[in-house]
Amino acid sequence: MQVKTHPINVTVLTVLVLAGFLGIAYILLALSSSSLYSSTHPAVVPWIGEQHQCETSGRTWREESEEECLDYERSADF
């Protein structure tokens, strides 16, 4: 005995499976990109070379390997 499937049932099932995969892919992409942009990526401000000027502009002065003014308020794609 052979079971016949209706073409609409196969189409609906295919659409639901594809929509599920797309939904999962979208959620995974959103989670990975939000973690990327939630972390800070400081930018060096090369035109500020003095600690006082850097700190009064709301930025961070760093004196590790070399003195530089860092801006932590920019996005990761700045």
Protein backbone atom coordinates (compact mmCIF):
# COMPACT_ATOMS: atom_id res chain seq x y z
CA MET A 1 0.00 0.00 0.00
CA GLN A 2 1.44 3.36 -1.05
CA VAL A 3 0.72 6.55 0.89
CA LYS A 4 0.02 9.55 -1.31
CA THR A 5 1.10 12.98 -0.12
CA HIS A 6 -0.63 16.08 -1.23
CA PRO A 7 1.66 18.58 -3.05
CA ILE A 8 0.48 21.43 -0.83
CA ASN A 9 1.52 19.53 2.32
CA VAL A 10 5.03 19.02 0.92
CA THR A 11 5.27 22.70 -0.04
CA VAL A 12 4.07 23.88 3.37
CA LEU A 13 6.48 21.55 5.14
CA THR A 14 9.37 22.78 2.97
CA VAL A 15 8.51 26.42 3.66
CA LEU A 16 8.29 25.77 7.40
CA VAL A 17 11.64 24.00 7.49
CA LEU A 18 13.34 26.80 5.51
CA ALA A 19 11.75 29.45 7.71
CA GLY A 20 12.99 27.61 10.78
CA PHE A 21 16.55 27.47 9.48
CA LEU A 22 16.44 31.15 8.52
CA GLY A 23 15.07 32.06 11.94
CA ILE A 24 17.81 30.16 13.73
CA ALA A 25 20.47 31.71 11.47
CA TYR A 26 19.09 35.20 12.15
CA ILE A 27 19.12 34.66 15.92
CA LEU A 28 22.68 33.32 15.88
CA LEU A 29 23.83 36.24 13.74
CA ALA A 30 22.13 38.75 16.04
CA LEU A 31 23.73 37.21 19.11
CA SER A 32 27.21 37.16 17.62
CA SER A 33 27.03 40.73 16.30
CA SER A 34 25.66 42.10 19.58
CA SER A 35 28.59 40.60 21.47
CA LEU A 36 30.95 42.19 18.95
CA TYR A 37 29.50 45.66 19.42
CA SER A 38 29.04 45.41 23.16
CA SER A 39 32.77 45.13 23.77
CA THR A 40 34.74 48.34 23.76
CA HIS A 41 37.36 49.11 21.16
CA PRO A 42 39.20 52.30 22.04
CA ALA A 43 40.39 54.60 19.31
CA VAL A 44 43.63 56.54 19.61
CA VAL A 45 43.16 60.28 19.18
CA PRO A 46 46.43 61.28 17.50
CA TRP A 47 45.90 65.05 17.54
CA ILE A 48 45.80 65.20 21.36
CA GLY A 49 49.28 64.79 22.77
CA GLU A 50 48.91 66.16 26.30
CA GLN A 51 47.37 64.43 29.31
CA HIS A 52 45.47 67.49 30.56
CA GLN A 53 43.92 68.20 27.16
CA CYS A 54 42.99 64.52 26.75
CA GLU A 55 41.31 64.18 30.15
CA THR A 56 39.41 67.48 29.92
CA SER A 57 37.93 66.32 26.62
CA GLY A 58 36.45 63.26 28.37
CA ARG A 59 38.96 60.75 27.06
CA THR A 60 41.46 58.45 28.78
CA TRP A 61 45.20 59.06 28.95
CA ARG A 62 47.42 55.97 28.78
CA GLU A 63 51.13 55.85 29.56
CA GLU A 64 52.04 52.21 28.92
CA SER A 65 54.35 51.62 25.96
CA GLU A 66 53.84 55.15 24.68
CA GLU A 67 51.73 58.09 25.76
CA GLU A 68 48.42 58.29 23.93
CA CYS A 69 44.92 59.61 24.29
CA LEU A 70 42.16 56.96 24.01
CA ASP A 71 38.50 57.45 23.16
CA TYR A 72 36.25 54.66 24.48
CA GLU A 73 32.96 56.19 23.32
CA ARG A 74 33.14 55.20 19.66
CA SER A 75 31.61 52.10 18.10
CA ALA A 76 33.64 49.09 16.99
CA ASP A 77 33.41 50.17 13.34
CA PHE A 78 34.72 53.71 13.97
